[in-house]
Amino acid sequence: MTTAVTGTVDESATAVRADGLGKRYGAKWVLRGCAFELPAGRVAALVGANGAGKTTLMSVLKGLLNADEGTVRTAGRVAFVAQEKPVYRRFTAAEMLEVGKRLNLVWDQDRAVRWLERFEIPLTRPCGKLSGGQQAQVAFALAIGARPTVLMLDEPLANLDPLARREVTAELLAEVEETGMTVLLSTHVVAELAGVADYLLLLAGGRLLAGGDVDELLTRHASYAGPTADAPPVAGAVVQARHTGTQSTFLVELPGGQSRPAVAEPWVQRPVTLEEYVLAQLAVTRKGHGA
């Protein structure tokens, strides 16, 4: 058995590198055999159903939990915002920023304050009297103020209303553009990722199902709909097949390097969305486990 060791990697190339990570509670493995390299400067989505092991993986990556096997290395400074968005209820938002200043070797007060001002968070009000969404903004400001190389967010949009979700996402993307930091965010709501994540880590049952550049993953897949059939009209691995009384739909992984081939009527070909790809992968995994 080996224990995960947190070290550093070349910031110019890789932000996070995991090799064979595993974590168990008693005899039950909640994370097993996770290996990936997350390129620097990307916005990566860690996706999976509830209970897939997302929070455990992020906690191991941050060093809050010790792995039972495998290693993890990260580039530079890492900030982590937990799903609960913890803040001291008796402290004002301004006092929370002072805590951040005292606890971090690197601190950007102006950046943290600008985040709170952007979302109109009152600096002098105790955090216990702020709404859940406002408390989340304080937690985000603390993370941003630390000027992290890697920012890890566990279900970051869970406490926010739809408008705030869109605004927070836009601000995070602006931070990535300005600072070059890498963002790893976990979610089980795949629809929130459209236009946000450019890298995917798909987790199920504590194991990594798929990972890589989103555009590359989607380019390698296509959806074909046509008359009821046992197989799609093109070569490739069938990820998912769905049949109704008169129609079949196939999500196909195309052979390496091949562009989406044209098909003759009555078949119709179209690109695959990120949500379709993720849901298809998870559905196949659930079916394979007899769910």
C-alpha atoms as a PDB file:
ATOM      1  CA  MET A   1       0.000   0.000   0.000  1.00  0.00           C
ATOM      2  CA  THR A   2       1.265   3.469  -0.862  1.00  0.00           C
ATOM      3  CA  THR A   3       0.184   6.788   0.560  1.00  0.00           C
ATOM      4  CA  ALA A   4      -0.635   9.832  -1.531  1.00  0.00           C
ATOM      5  CA  VAL A   5       2.110  12.430  -1.390  1.00  0.00           C
ATOM      6  CA  THR A   6       1.361  16.025  -2.305  1.00  0.00           C
ATOM      7  CA  GLY A   7       4.143  17.657  -4.255  1.00  0.00           C
ATOM      8  CA  THR A   8       4.555  20.033  -7.153  1.00  0.00           C
ATOM      9  CA  VAL A   9       4.551  19.660 -10.902  1.00  0.00           C
ATOM     10  CA  ASP A  10       5.624  21.926 -13.729  1.00  0.00           C
ATOM     11  CA  GLU A  11       3.081  24.776 -13.641  1.00  0.00           C
ATOM     12  CA  SER A  12       3.601  25.537 -17.318  1.00  0.00           C
ATOM     13  CA  ALA A  13       2.253  22.160 -18.402  1.00  0.00           C
ATOM     14  CA  THR A  14       0.254  20.299 -15.771  1.00  0.00           C
ATOM     15  CA  ALA A  15      -1.794  21.705 -12.900  1.00  0.00           C
ATOM     16  CA  VAL A  16      -2.796  18.444 -11.204  1.00  0.00           C
ATOM     17  CA  ARG A  17      -1.422  14.952 -11.705  1.00  0.00           C
ATOM     18  CA  ALA A  18      -3.022  11.928 -10.046  1.00  0.00           C
ATOM     19  CA  ASP A  19      -1.742   8.387 -10.337  1.00  0.00           C
ATOM     20  CA  GLY A  20      -3.728   5.410  -9.066  1.00  0.00           C
ATOM     21  CA  LEU A  21      -5.523   7.306  -6.298  1.00  0.00           C
ATOM     22  CA  GLY A  22      -7.602   5.220  -3.938  1.00  0.00           C
ATOM     23  CA  LYS A  23      -9.492   5.967  -0.727  1.00  0.00           C
ATOM     24  CA  ARG A  24     -11.503   3.619   1.438  1.00  0.00           C
ATOM     25  CA  TYR A  25     -13.567   3.769   4.599  1.00  0.00           C
ATOM     26  CA  GLY A  26     -13.246   0.457   6.343  1.00  0.00           C
ATOM     27  CA  ALA A  27     -13.553  -2.258   3.735  1.00  0.00           C
ATOM     28  CA  LYS A  28     -15.395  -0.062   1.224  1.00  0.00           C
ATOM     29  CA  TRP A  29     -13.438   1.678  -1.501  1.00  0.00           C
ATOM     30  CA  VAL A  30     -15.051   5.040  -2.349  1.00  0.00           C
ATOM     31  CA  LEU A  31     -12.280   5.964  -4.778  1.00  0.00           C
ATOM     32  CA  ARG A  32     -10.114   3.545  -6.734  1.00  0.00           C
ATOM     33  CA  GLY A  33      -7.512   3.682  -9.479  1.00  0.00           C
ATOM     34  CA  CYS A  34      -8.003   7.354 -10.422  1.00  0.00           C
ATOM     35  CA  ALA A  35      -5.291   8.587 -12.770  1.00  0.00           C
ATOM     36  CA  PHE A  36      -5.280  11.765 -14.851  1.00  0.00           C
ATOM     37  CA  GLU A  37      -3.288  14.853 -15.773  1.00  0.00           C
ATOM     38  CA  LEU A  38      -5.099  18.189 -15.775  1.00  0.00           C
ATOM     39  CA  PRO A  39      -3.380  20.725 -18.042  1.00  0.00           C
ATOM     40  CA  ALA A  40      -2.648  24.148 -16.596  1.00  0.00           C
ATOM     41  CA  GLY A  41      -4.946  27.057 -17.382  1.00  0.00           C
ATOM     42  CA  ARG A  42      -8.039  24.963 -18.022  1.00  0.00           C
ATOM     43  CA  VAL A  43     -11.535  25.013 -16.529  1.00  0.00           C
ATOM     44  CA  ALA A  44     -12.180  21.377 -15.729  1.00  0.00           C
ATOM     45  CA  ALA A  45     -15.476  19.834 -14.687  1.00  0.00           C
ATOM     46  CA  LEU A  46     -15.463  16.898 -12.307  1.00  0.00           C
ATOM     47  CA  VAL A  47     -18.805  15.302 -13.120  1.00  0.00           C
ATOM     48  CA  GLY A  48     -20.669  12.405 -11.595  1.00  0.00           C
ATOM     49  CA  ALA A  49     -23.883  11.425  -9.883  1.00  0.00           C
ATOM     50  CA  ASN A  50     -24.323  12.009  -6.167  1.00  0.00           C
ATOM     51  CA  GLY A  51     -22.148   9.499  -4.328  1.00  0.00           C
ATOM     52  CA  ALA A  52     -19.749   9.049  -7.247  1.00  0.00           C
ATOM     53  CA  GLY A  53     -16.763  10.099  -5.139  1.00  0.00           C
ATOM     54  CA  LYS A  54     -16.338  13.700  -6.332  1.00  0.00           C
ATOM     55  CA  THR A  55     -15.977  15.292  -2.896  1.00  0.00           C
ATOM     56  CA  THR A  56     -13.632  12.537  -1.747  1.00  0.00           C
ATOM     57  CA  LEU A  57     -11.436  12.987  -4.813  1.00  0.00           C
ATOM     58  CA  MET A  58     -11.268  16.759  -4.371  1.00  0.00           C
ATOM     59  CA  SER A  59     -10.471  16.384  -0.668  1.00  0.00           C
ATOM     60  CA  VAL A  60      -7.616  14.022  -1.513  1.00  0.00           C
ATOM     61  CA  LEU A  61      -6.324  16.340  -4.232  1.00  0.00           C
ATOM     62  CA  LYS A  62      -6.317  19.263  -1.783  1.00  0.00           C
ATOM     63  CA  GLY A  63      -4.656  17.202   0.952  1.00  0.00           C
ATOM     64  CA  LEU A  64      -7.601  17.319   3.353  1.00  0.00           C
ATOM     65  CA  LEU A  65      -7.778  13.512   3.215  1.00  0.00           C
ATOM     66  CA  ASN A  66      -4.931  11.032   2.969  1.00  0.00           C
ATOM     67  CA  ALA A  67      -5.258   8.538   0.156  1.00  0.00           C
ATOM     68  CA  ASP A  68      -4.845   4.852   0.902  1.00  0.00           C
ATOM     69  CA  GLU A  69      -3.010   4.312  -2.350  1.00  0.00           C
ATOM     70  CA  GLY A  70      -1.595   6.322  -5.222  1.00  0.00           C
ATOM     71  CA  THR A  71      -0.018   9.763  -5.480  1.00  0.00           C
ATOM     72  CA  VAL A  72      -1.116  13.288  -6.326  1.00  0.00           C
ATOM     73  CA  ARG A  73       0.923  16.327  -7.280  1.00  0.00           C
ATOM     74  CA  THR A  74      -0.285  19.883  -7.780  1.00  0.00           C
ATOM     75  CA  ALA A  75       1.262  23.013  -9.245  1.00  0.00           C
ATOM     76  CA  GLY A  76       1.755  26.011  -6.983  1.00  0.00           C
ATOM     77  CA  ARG A  77      -0.852  27.234  -4.520  1.00  0.00           C
ATOM     78  CA  VAL A  78      -4.191  25.444  -4.185  1.00  0.00           C
ATOM     79  CA  ALA A  79      -7.410  27.014  -2.866  1.00  0.00           C
ATOM     80  CA  PHE A  80     -10.434  24.884  -2.058  1.00  0.00           C
ATOM     81  CA  VAL A  81     -14.048  25.961  -1.528  1.00  0.00           C
ATOM     82  CA  ALA A  82     -16.035  23.172   0.093  1.00  0.00           C
ATOM     83  CA  GLN A  83     -19.651  22.451  -0.739  1.00  0.00           C
ATOM     84  CA  GLU A  84     -20.781  23.917   2.604  1.00  0.00           C
ATOM     85  CA  LYS A  85     -19.012  27.267   1.826  1.00  0.00           C
ATOM     86  CA  PRO A  86     -17.898  27.602   5.491  1.00  0.00           C
ATOM     87  CA  VAL A  87     -17.536  31.080   7.015  1.00  0.00           C
ATOM     88  CA  TYR A  88     -17.423  32.317  10.618  1.00  0.00           C
ATOM     89  CA  ARG A  89     -20.978  33.437  11.335  1.00  0.00           C
ATOM     90  CA  ARG A  90     -19.986  36.156  13.851  1.00  0.00           C
ATOM     91  CA  PHE A  91     -17.389  37.681  11.541  1.00  0.00           C
ATOM     92  CA  THR A  92     -18.310  40.321   9.015  1.00  0.00           C
ATOM     93  CA  ALA A  93     -17.321  39.846   5.389  1.00  0.00           C
ATOM     94  CA  ALA A  94     -14.516  42.386   5.925  1.00  0.00           C
ATOM     95  CA  GLU A  95     -13.277  40.458   8.962  1.00  0.00           C
ATOM     96  CA  MET A  96     -13.307  37.237   6.930  1.00  0.00           C
ATOM     97  CA  LEU A  97     -11.017  38.910   4.401  1.00  0.00           C
ATOM     98  CA  GLU A  98      -8.703  39.879   7.261  1.00  0.00           C
ATOM     99  CA  VAL A  99      -8.620  36.214   8.273  1.00  0.00           C
ATOM    100  CA  GLY A 100      -7.710  35.331   4.699  1.00  0.00           C
ATOM    101  CA  LYS A 101      -4.939  37.902   4.721  1.00  0.00           C
ATOM    102  CA  ARG A 102      -3.461  36.484   7.932  1.00  0.00           C
ATOM    103  CA  LEU A 103      -3.684  32.833   6.883  1.00  0.00           C
ATOM    104  CA  ASN A 104      -2.255  33.130   3.369  1.00  0.00           C
ATOM    105  CA  LEU A 105       1.345  33.875   2.457  1.00  0.00           C
ATOM    106  CA  VAL A 106       0.064  35.412  -0.786  1.00  0.00           C
ATOM    107  CA  TRP A 107      -2.980  37.674  -0.548  1.00  0.00           C
ATOM    108  CA  ASP A 108      -4.635  40.128  -2.933  1.00  0.00           C
ATOM    109  CA  GLN A 109      -6.987  42.296  -0.870  1.00  0.00           C
ATOM    110  CA  ASP A 110      -8.117  44.389  -3.822  1.00  0.00           C
ATOM    111  CA  ARG A 111      -9.114  41.317  -5.805  1.00  0.00           C
ATOM    112  CA  ALA A 112     -11.087  39.867  -2.891  1.00  0.00           C
ATOM    113  CA  VAL A 113     -12.876  43.160  -2.212  1.00  0.00           C
ATOM    114  CA  ARG A 114     -13.720  43.606  -5.893  1.00  0.00           C
ATOM    115  CA  TRP A 115     -15.394  40.205  -5.903  1.00  0.00           C
ATOM    116  CA  LEU A 116     -17.615  41.154  -2.958  1.00  0.00           C
ATOM    117  CA  GLU A 117     -18.415  44.546  -4.451  1.00  0.00           C
ATOM    118  CA  ARG A 118     -19.250  42.936  -7.789  1.00  0.00           C
ATOM    119  CA  PHE A 119     -21.971  40.915  -6.066  1.00  0.00           C
ATOM    120  CA  GLU A 120     -23.021  43.708  -3.676  1.00  0.00           C
ATOM    121  CA  ILE A 121     -22.080  41.837  -0.497  1.00  0.00           C
ATOM    122  CA  PRO A 122     -22.192  44.197   2.509  1.00  0.00           C
ATOM    123  CA  LEU A 123     -18.717  44.223   4.067  1.00  0.00           C
ATOM    124  CA  THR A 124     -19.885  45.196   7.563  1.00  0.00           C
ATOM    125  CA  ARG A 125     -22.702  42.674   8.022  1.00  0.00           C
ATOM    126  CA  PRO A 126     -21.998  39.496  10.053  1.00  0.00           C
ATOM    127  CA  CYS A 127     -21.846  36.424   7.819  1.00  0.00           C
ATOM    128  CA  GLY A 128     -24.509  34.755   9.954  1.00  0.00           C
ATOM    129  CA  LYS A 129     -26.971  37.395   8.752  1.00  0.00           C
ATOM    130  CA  LEU A 130     -26.113  36.927   5.090  1.00  0.00           C
ATOM    131  CA  SER A 131     -28.131  34.627   2.838  1.00  0.00           C
ATOM    132  CA  GLY A 132     -26.695  31.278   1.777  1.00  0.00           C
ATOM    133  CA  GLY A 133     -25.832  32.713  -1.615  1.00  0.00           C
ATOM    134  CA  GLN A 134     -24.115  35.730  -0.051  1.00  0.00           C
ATOM    135  CA  GLN A 135     -22.085  33.488   2.262  1.00  0.00           C
ATOM    136  CA  ALA A 136     -20.992  31.546  -0.814  1.00  0.00           C
ATOM    137  CA  GLN A 137     -19.739  34.806  -2.350  1.00  0.00           C
ATOM    138  CA  VAL A 138     -17.642  35.481   0.755  1.00  0.00           C
ATOM    139  CA  ALA A 139     -16.112  32.011   0.417  1.00  0.00           C
ATOM    140  CA  PHE A 140     -15.371  32.671  -3.259  1.00  0.00           C
ATOM    141  CA  ALA A 141     -13.752  36.022  -2.400  1.00  0.00           C
ATOM    142  CA  LEU A 142     -11.485  34.319   0.131  1.00  0.00           C
ATOM    143  CA  ALA A 143     -10.401  31.784  -2.468  1.00  0.00           C
ATOM    144  CA  ILE A 144      -9.835  34.388  -5.183  1.00  0.00           C
ATOM    145  CA  GLY A 145      -7.915  36.647  -2.801  1.00  0.00           C
ATOM    146  CA  ALA A 146      -5.409  33.880  -2.140  1.00  0.00           C
ATOM    147  CA  ARG A 147      -4.301  34.109  -5.790  1.00  0.00           C
ATOM    148  CA  PRO A 148      -4.302  30.321  -6.255  1.00  0.00           C
ATOM    149  CA  THR A 149      -2.576  28.501  -9.063  1.00  0.00           C
ATOM    150  CA  VAL A 150      -5.300  25.859  -8.812  1.00  0.00           C
ATOM    151  CA  LEU A 151      -8.808  26.671  -7.575  1.00  0.00           C
ATOM    152  CA  MET A 152     -10.970  23.706  -6.560  1.00  0.00           C
ATOM    153  CA  LEU A 153     -14.706  24.257  -6.124  1.00  0.00           C
ATOM    154  CA  ASP A 154     -17.038  21.567  -4.774  1.00  0.00           C
ATOM    155  CA  GLU A 155     -20.562  22.138  -6.144  1.00  0.00           C
ATOM    156  CA  PRO A 156     -19.848  25.884  -6.370  1.00  0.00           C
ATOM    157  CA  LEU A 157     -23.241  26.975  -7.717  1.00  0.00           C
ATOM    158  CA  ALA A 158     -25.448  24.980  -5.348  1.00  0.00           C
ATOM    159  CA  ASN A 159     -26.480  27.924  -3.112  1.00  0.00           C
ATOM    160  CA  LEU A 160     -26.967  30.463  -5.888  1.00  0.00           C
ATOM    161  CA  ASP A 161     -30.039  31.564  -7.799  1.00  0.00           C
ATOM    162  CA  PRO A 162     -30.011  31.157 -11.620  1.00  0.00           C
ATOM    163  CA  LEU A 163     -28.891  34.735 -12.319  1.00  0.00           C
ATOM    164  CA  ALA A 164     -26.102  34.593  -9.731  1.00  0.00           C
ATOM    165  CA  ARG A 165     -24.949  31.259 -11.180  1.00  0.00           C
ATOM    166  CA  ARG A 166     -24.490  32.840 -14.578  1.00  0.00           C
ATOM    167  CA  GLU A 167     -22.721  35.875 -13.126  1.00  0.00           C
ATOM    168  CA  VAL A 168     -20.377  33.806 -10.935  1.00  0.00           C
ATOM    169  CA  THR A 169     -19.505  31.613 -13.886  1.00  0.00           C
ATOM    170  CA  ALA A 170     -18.671  34.677 -15.989  1.00  0.00           C
ATOM    171  CA  GLU A 171     -16.489  36.116 -13.232  1.00  0.00           C
ATOM    172  CA  LEU A 172     -14.632  32.835 -12.771  1.00  0.00           C
ATOM    173  CA  LEU A 173     -13.906  32.665 -16.484  1.00  0.00           C
ATOM    174  CA  ALA A 174     -12.643  36.252 -16.348  1.00  0.00           C
ATOM    175  CA  GLU A 175     -10.334  35.316 -13.461  1.00  0.00           C
ATOM    176  CA  VAL A 176      -8.962  32.401 -15.461  1.00  0.00           C
ATOM    177  CA  GLU A 177      -8.352  34.665 -18.435  1.00  0.00           C
ATOM    178  CA  GLU A 178      -6.613  37.308 -16.332  1.00  0.00           C
ATOM    179  CA  THR A 179      -4.527  35.149 -13.995  1.00  0.00           C
ATOM    180  CA  GLY A 180      -4.032  31.897 -15.916  1.00  0.00           C
ATOM    181  CA  MET A 181      -5.158  29.842 -12.927  1.00  0.00           C
ATOM    182  CA  THR A 182      -6.624  26.371 -13.338  1.00  0.00           C
ATOM    183  CA  VAL A 183     -10.149  25.703 -12.067  1.00  0.00           C
ATOM    184  CA  LEU A 184     -11.498  22.281 -11.099  1.00  0.00           C
ATOM    185  CA  LEU A 185     -15.197  22.354 -10.248  1.00  0.00           C
ATOM    186  CA  SER A 186     -17.394  19.435  -9.293  1.00  0.00           C
ATOM    187  CA  THR A 187     -21.054  19.181 -10.192  1.00  0.00           C
ATOM    188  CA  HIS A 188     -23.808  16.690 -10.873  1.00  0.00           C
ATOM    189  CA  VAL A 189     -25.807  19.242 -12.919  1.00  0.00           C
ATOM    190  CA  VAL A 190     -24.271  18.812 -16.354  1.00  0.00           C
ATOM    191  CA  ALA A 191     -26.425  21.509 -17.964  1.00  0.00           C
ATOM    192  CA  GLU A 192     -24.504  24.139 -15.982  1.00  0.00           C
ATOM    193  CA  LEU A 193     -21.289  23.327 -17.849  1.00  0.00           C
ATOM    194  CA  ALA A 194     -22.293  24.581 -21.295  1.00  0.00           C
ATOM    195  CA  GLY A 195     -19.776  27.176 -22.406  1.00  0.00           C
ATOM    196  CA  VAL A 196     -17.894  26.909 -19.102  1.00  0.00           C
ATOM    197  CA  ALA A 197     -15.749  23.779 -18.863  1.00  0.00           C
ATOM    198  CA  ASP A 198     -13.197  22.968 -21.530  1.00  0.00           C
ATOM    199  CA  TYR A 199     -11.903  19.818 -19.817  1.00  0.00           C
ATOM    200  CA  LEU A 200     -13.843  16.865 -18.413  1.00  0.00           C
ATOM    201  CA  LEU A 201     -13.245  14.327 -15.659  1.00  0.00           C
ATOM    202  CA  LEU A 202     -16.164  11.885 -15.488  1.00  0.00           C
ATOM    203  CA  LEU A 203     -16.431   9.867 -12.287  1.00  0.00           C
ATOM    204  CA  ALA A 204     -18.738   6.951 -11.445  1.00  0.00           C
ATOM    205  CA  GLY A 205     -18.603   4.547  -8.555  1.00  0.00           C
ATOM    206  CA  GLY A 206     -15.285   5.991  -7.420  1.00  0.00           C
ATOM    207  CA  ARG A 207     -13.601   5.294 -10.760  1.00  0.00           C
ATOM    208  CA  LEU A 208     -12.708   7.617 -13.604  1.00  0.00           C
ATOM    209  CA  LEU A 209     -14.795   6.750 -16.682  1.00  0.00           C
ATOM    210  CA  ALA A 210     -13.463   9.334 -19.108  1.00  0.00           C
ATOM    211  CA  GLY A 211     -11.347  12.425 -19.227  1.00  0.00           C
ATOM    212  CA  GLY A 212      -9.917  14.893 -21.679  1.00  0.00           C
ATOM    213  CA  ASP A 213     -10.442  18.033 -23.711  1.00  0.00           C
ATOM    214  CA  VAL A 214     -14.194  18.599 -24.145  1.00  0.00           C
ATOM    215  CA  ASP A 215     -13.981  19.643 -27.795  1.00  0.00           C
ATOM    216  CA  GLU A 216     -11.871  16.601 -28.658  1.00  0.00           C
ATOM    217  CA  LEU A 217     -14.231  14.243 -26.821  1.00  0.00           C
ATOM    218  CA  LEU A 218     -17.291  15.636 -28.566  1.00  0.00           C
ATOM    219  CA  THR A 219     -15.625  15.696 -31.991  1.00  0.00           C
ATOM    220  CA  ARG A 220     -14.969  11.966 -31.650  1.00  0.00           C
ATOM    221  CA  HIS A 221     -18.668  11.267 -31.091  1.00  0.00           C
ATOM    222  CA  ALA A 222     -21.838  11.714 -33.117  1.00  0.00           C
ATOM    223  CA  SER A 223     -25.518  10.845 -32.859  1.00  0.00           C
ATOM    224  CA  TYR A 224     -27.361   8.973 -35.633  1.00  0.00           C
ATOM    225  CA  ALA A 225     -31.141   8.649 -35.799  1.00  0.00           C
ATOM    226  CA  GLY A 226     -33.067   6.616 -38.335  1.00  0.00           C
ATOM    227  CA  PRO A 227     -35.344   3.631 -38.861  1.00  0.00           C
ATOM    228  CA  THR A 228     -35.285   0.804 -36.364  1.00  0.00           C
ATOM    229  CA  ALA A 229     -31.971  -1.024 -36.730  1.00  0.00           C
ATOM    230  CA  ASP A 230     -29.579  -3.281 -34.862  1.00  0.00           C
ATOM    231  CA  ALA A 231     -26.540  -1.134 -35.702  1.00  0.00           C
ATOM    232  CA  PRO A 232     -25.735   2.459 -36.730  1.00  0.00           C
ATOM    233  CA  PRO A 233     -25.088   3.352 -40.384  1.00  0.00           C
ATOM    234  CA  VAL A 234     -21.406   4.126 -39.726  1.00  0.00           C
ATOM    235  CA  ALA A 235     -18.409   2.319 -38.289  1.00  0.00           C
ATOM    236  CA  GLY A 236     -17.526   2.946 -34.666  1.00  0.00           C
ATOM    237  CA  ALA A 237     -18.132   1.847 -31.091  1.00  0.00           C
ATOM    238  CA  VAL A 238     -21.736   2.242 -29.955  1.00  0.00           C
ATOM    239  CA  VAL A 239     -21.765   4.077 -26.624  1.00  0.00           C
ATOM    240  CA  GLN A 240     -25.549   4.047 -26.303  1.00  0.00           C
ATOM    241  CA  ALA A 241     -28.433   2.702 -28.362  1.00  0.00           C
ATOM    242  CA  ARG A 242     -32.054   3.709 -27.878  1.00  0.00           C
ATOM    243  CA  HIS A 243     -35.009   2.229 -29.715  1.00  0.00           C
ATOM    244  CA  THR A 244     -38.665   3.169 -30.037  1.00  0.00           C
ATOM    245  CA  GLY A 245     -41.285   1.420 -32.112  1.00  0.00           C
ATOM    246  CA  THR A 246     -40.149   3.040 -35.368  1.00  0.00           C
ATOM    247  CA  GLN A 247     -36.787   4.687 -34.699  1.00  0.00           C
ATOM    248  CA  SER A 248     -33.303   3.885 -33.459  1.00  0.00           C
ATOM    249  CA  THR A 249     -30.805   6.412 -32.129  1.00  0.00           C
ATOM    250  CA  PHE A 250     -27.136   5.584 -31.682  1.00  0.00           C
ATOM    251  CA  LEU A 251     -24.434   7.586 -29.928  1.00  0.00           C
ATOM    252  CA  VAL A 252     -21.259   6.455 -31.640  1.00  0.00           C
ATOM    253  CA  GLU A 253     -17.578   6.886 -30.852  1.00  0.00           C
ATOM    254  CA  LEU A 254     -15.989   7.280 -34.271  1.00  0.00           C
ATOM    255  CA  PRO A 255     -12.729   5.579 -35.233  1.00  0.00           C
ATOM    256  CA  GLY A 256      -9.594   7.544 -34.317  1.00  0.00           C
ATOM    257  CA  GLY A 257      -9.029  10.683 -36.342  1.00  0.00           C
ATOM    258  CA  GLN A 258     -12.178  10.258 -38.432  1.00  0.00           C
ATOM    259  CA  SER A 259     -14.499  13.224 -38.975  1.00  0.00           C
ATOM    260  CA  ARG A 260     -18.247  12.727 -38.748  1.00  0.00           C
ATOM    261  CA  PRO A 261     -19.160  10.820 -41.918  1.00  0.00           C
ATOM    262  CA  ALA A 262     -22.216  11.812 -43.919  1.00  0.00           C
ATOM    263  CA  VAL A 263     -25.115   9.374 -44.028  1.00  0.00           C
ATOM    264  CA  ALA A 264     -27.854   8.750 -46.547  1.00  0.00           C
ATOM    265  CA  GLU A 265     -31.503   9.426 -45.838  1.00  0.00           C
ATOM    266  CA  PRO A 266     -33.524   8.535 -43.887  1.00  0.00           C
ATOM    267  CA  TRP A 267     -30.630   8.582 -41.383  1.00  0.00           C
ATOM    268  CA  VAL A 268     -29.826  11.902 -39.735  1.00  0.00           C
ATOM    269  CA  GLN A 269     -26.483  12.745 -38.166  1.00  0.00           C
ATOM    270  CA  ARG A 270     -25.850  15.496 -35.626  1.00  0.00           C
ATOM    271  CA  PRO A 271     -23.146  16.520 -33.123  1.00  0.00           C
ATOM    272  CA  VAL A 272     -23.313  15.373 -29.506  1.00  0.00           C
ATOM    273  CA  THR A 273     -23.650  17.863 -26.640  1.00  0.00           C
ATOM    274  CA  LEU A 274     -21.606  17.552 -23.467  1.00  0.00           C
ATOM    275  CA  GLU A 275     -24.746  16.748 -21.488  1.00  0.00           C
ATOM    276  CA  GLU A 276     -25.693  13.957 -23.921  1.00  0.00           C
ATOM    277  CA  TYR A 277     -22.195  12.492 -23.780  1.00  0.00           C
ATOM    278  CA  VAL A 278     -22.037  12.505 -19.973  1.00  0.00           C
ATOM    279  CA  LEU A 279     -25.543  11.114 -19.471  1.00  0.00           C
ATOM    280  CA  ALA A 280     -24.917   8.353 -22.012  1.00  0.00           C
ATOM    281  CA  GLN A 281     -21.701   7.307 -20.263  1.00  0.00           C
ATOM    282  CA  LEU A 282     -23.359   7.303 -16.854  1.00  0.00           C
ATOM    283  CA  ALA A 283     -26.389   5.392 -18.147  1.00  0.00           C
ATOM    284  CA  VAL A 284     -24.176   2.667 -19.592  1.00  0.00           C
ATOM    285  CA  THR A 285     -22.276   2.388 -16.310  1.00  0.00           C
ATOM    286  CA  ARG A 286     -25.486   2.187 -14.264  1.00  0.00           C
ATOM    287  CA  LYS A 287     -26.872  -0.476 -16.584  1.00  0.00           C
ATOM    288  CA  GLY A 288     -23.646  -2.420 -16.270  1.00  0.00           C
ATOM    289  CA  HIS A 289     -24.059  -2.448 -12.495  1.00  0.00           C
ATOM    290  CA  GLY A 290     -27.608  -3.715 -12.788  1.00  0.00           C
ATOM    291  CA  ALA A 291     -29.262  -0.488 -11.673  1.00  0.00           C
END
